[in-house]
């Protein structure tokens, strides 16, 4: 099964960058990446963190994972795509489109 993900930067805050994301299945959400580009958290469209789930790329593990596997998977895919593009481009990108299996 092939799926796709689209992320776009919607806000640049002092605390970091907020991205709106959507999968081809119509699942949507928002994620904030800290200003140093190392921590991702689910958030509101305004950048307010939701819950305790976070991914620290320096540790490589999700802390306080959401019990819903679909939410957890979407969060991991989105955070990973943003982190990979940051590594590739040297800065947080404005738009990301990914196809995955």
Protein backbone atom coordinates (compact mmCIF):
# COMPACT_ATOMS: atom_id res chain seq x y z
CA UNK A 1 0.00 0.00 0.00
CA UNK A 2 1.36 3.42 -0.96
CA UNK A 3 0.41 6.57 0.94
CA UNK A 4 1.52 10.17 0.91
CA UNK A 5 2.12 12.99 3.34
CA UNK A 6 2.15 16.72 2.77
CA UNK A 7 3.43 19.20 5.38
CA UNK A 8 3.64 22.95 5.14
CA UNK A 9 5.02 25.46 7.56
CA UNK A 10 2.16 27.63 8.79
CA UNK A 11 3.73 29.65 11.61
CA UNK A 12 7.16 30.63 12.78
CA UNK A 13 7.08 31.17 16.53
CA UNK A 14 9.81 32.02 19.01
CA UNK A 15 9.46 28.45 20.34
CA UNK A 16 9.70 26.86 16.88
CA UNK A 17 7.97 26.15 13.58
CA UNK A 18 4.41 24.91 13.26
CA UNK A 19 3.51 22.59 10.40
CA UNK A 20 0.07 21.56 9.20
CA UNK A 21 0.13 18.05 7.74
CA UNK A 22 -2.26 15.86 5.79
CA UNK A 23 -2.12 12.31 4.49
CA UNK A 24 -3.69 11.11 1.26
CA UNK A 25 -6.29 9.36 3.46
CA UNK A 26 -7.45 12.77 4.71
CA UNK A 27 -5.92 12.47 8.18
CA UNK A 28 -4.72 15.89 9.33
CA UNK A 29 -2.88 17.45 12.23
CA UNK A 30 -0.32 19.97 13.37
CA UNK A 31 3.16 19.53 14.74
CA UNK A 32 5.61 21.98 16.27
CA UNK A 33 9.36 21.58 15.80
CA UNK A 34 11.47 23.43 18.37
CA UNK A 35 13.60 26.35 17.22
CA UNK A 36 16.75 24.22 17.39
CA UNK A 37 15.07 21.58 15.19
CA UNK A 38 15.48 18.69 17.62
CA UNK A 39 12.10 18.09 19.28
CA UNK A 40 8.69 17.49 17.70
CA UNK A 41 5.33 17.67 19.48
CA UNK A 42 1.72 17.46 18.32
CA UNK A 43 0.09 20.87 18.64
CA UNK A 44 -2.86 23.09 17.83
CA UNK A 45 -2.78 25.17 14.64
CA UNK A 46 -1.48 28.03 16.82
CA UNK A 47 1.48 25.96 18.09
CA UNK A 48 0.19 25.08 21.56
CA UNK A 49 1.43 21.55 22.44
CA UNK A 50 -1.24 18.87 22.80
CA UNK A 51 -0.68 16.12 25.34
CA UNK A 52 2.70 14.88 26.48
CA UNK A 53 3.85 12.97 23.37
CA UNK A 54 7.15 14.18 21.93
CA UNK A 55 10.01 12.94 19.81
CA UNK A 56 13.54 14.07 20.58
CA UNK A 57 15.66 13.26 17.51
CA UNK A 58 18.81 13.24 19.66
CA UNK A 59 17.36 10.40 21.73
CA UNK A 60 15.44 8.80 18.86
CA UNK A 61 12.52 7.64 20.95
CA UNK A 62 8.95 8.82 21.45
CA UNK A 63 8.23 9.88 24.99
CA UNK A 64 4.67 9.48 26.33
CA UNK A 65 3.33 7.86 23.12
CA UNK A 66 -0.33 8.36 22.29
CA UNK A 67 -2.31 5.15 22.94
CA UNK A 68 -3.96 5.39 19.51
CA UNK A 69 -1.65 3.62 17.02
CA UNK A 70 -2.93 5.70 14.08
CA UNK A 71 -2.13 8.98 15.86
CA UNK A 72 1.27 7.67 16.96
CA UNK A 73 2.14 6.43 13.44
CA UNK A 74 1.07 9.69 11.74
CA UNK A 75 3.09 11.70 14.27
CA UNK A 76 6.21 9.58 13.71
CA UNK A 77 5.96 9.74 9.93
CA UNK A 78 5.46 13.52 9.99
CA UNK A 79 8.25 14.23 12.49
CA UNK A 80 10.64 11.93 10.63
CA UNK A 81 9.95 13.60 7.28
CA UNK A 82 10.56 17.07 8.76
CA UNK A 83 13.75 15.98 10.56
CA UNK A 84 15.08 14.29 7.38
CA UNK A 85 14.48 17.41 5.28
CA UNK A 86 16.16 19.57 7.91
CA UNK A 87 19.21 17.32 7.72
CA UNK A 88 19.17 17.35 3.90
CA UNK A 89 18.59 21.09 3.46
CA UNK A 90 20.37 22.41 6.55
CA UNK A 91 17.26 24.27 7.72
CA UNK A 92 13.60 23.59 8.41
CA UNK A 93 11.79 23.41 5.06
CA UNK A 94 8.64 25.32 4.10
CA UNK A 95 6.91 22.39 2.33
CA UNK A 96 7.45 18.63 2.39
CA UNK A 97 5.78 15.98 0.25
CA UNK A 98 6.55 12.32 0.87
CA UNK A 99 5.34 9.03 -0.55
CA UNK A 100 5.79 5.97 1.65
CA UNK A 101 4.67 2.37 1.93
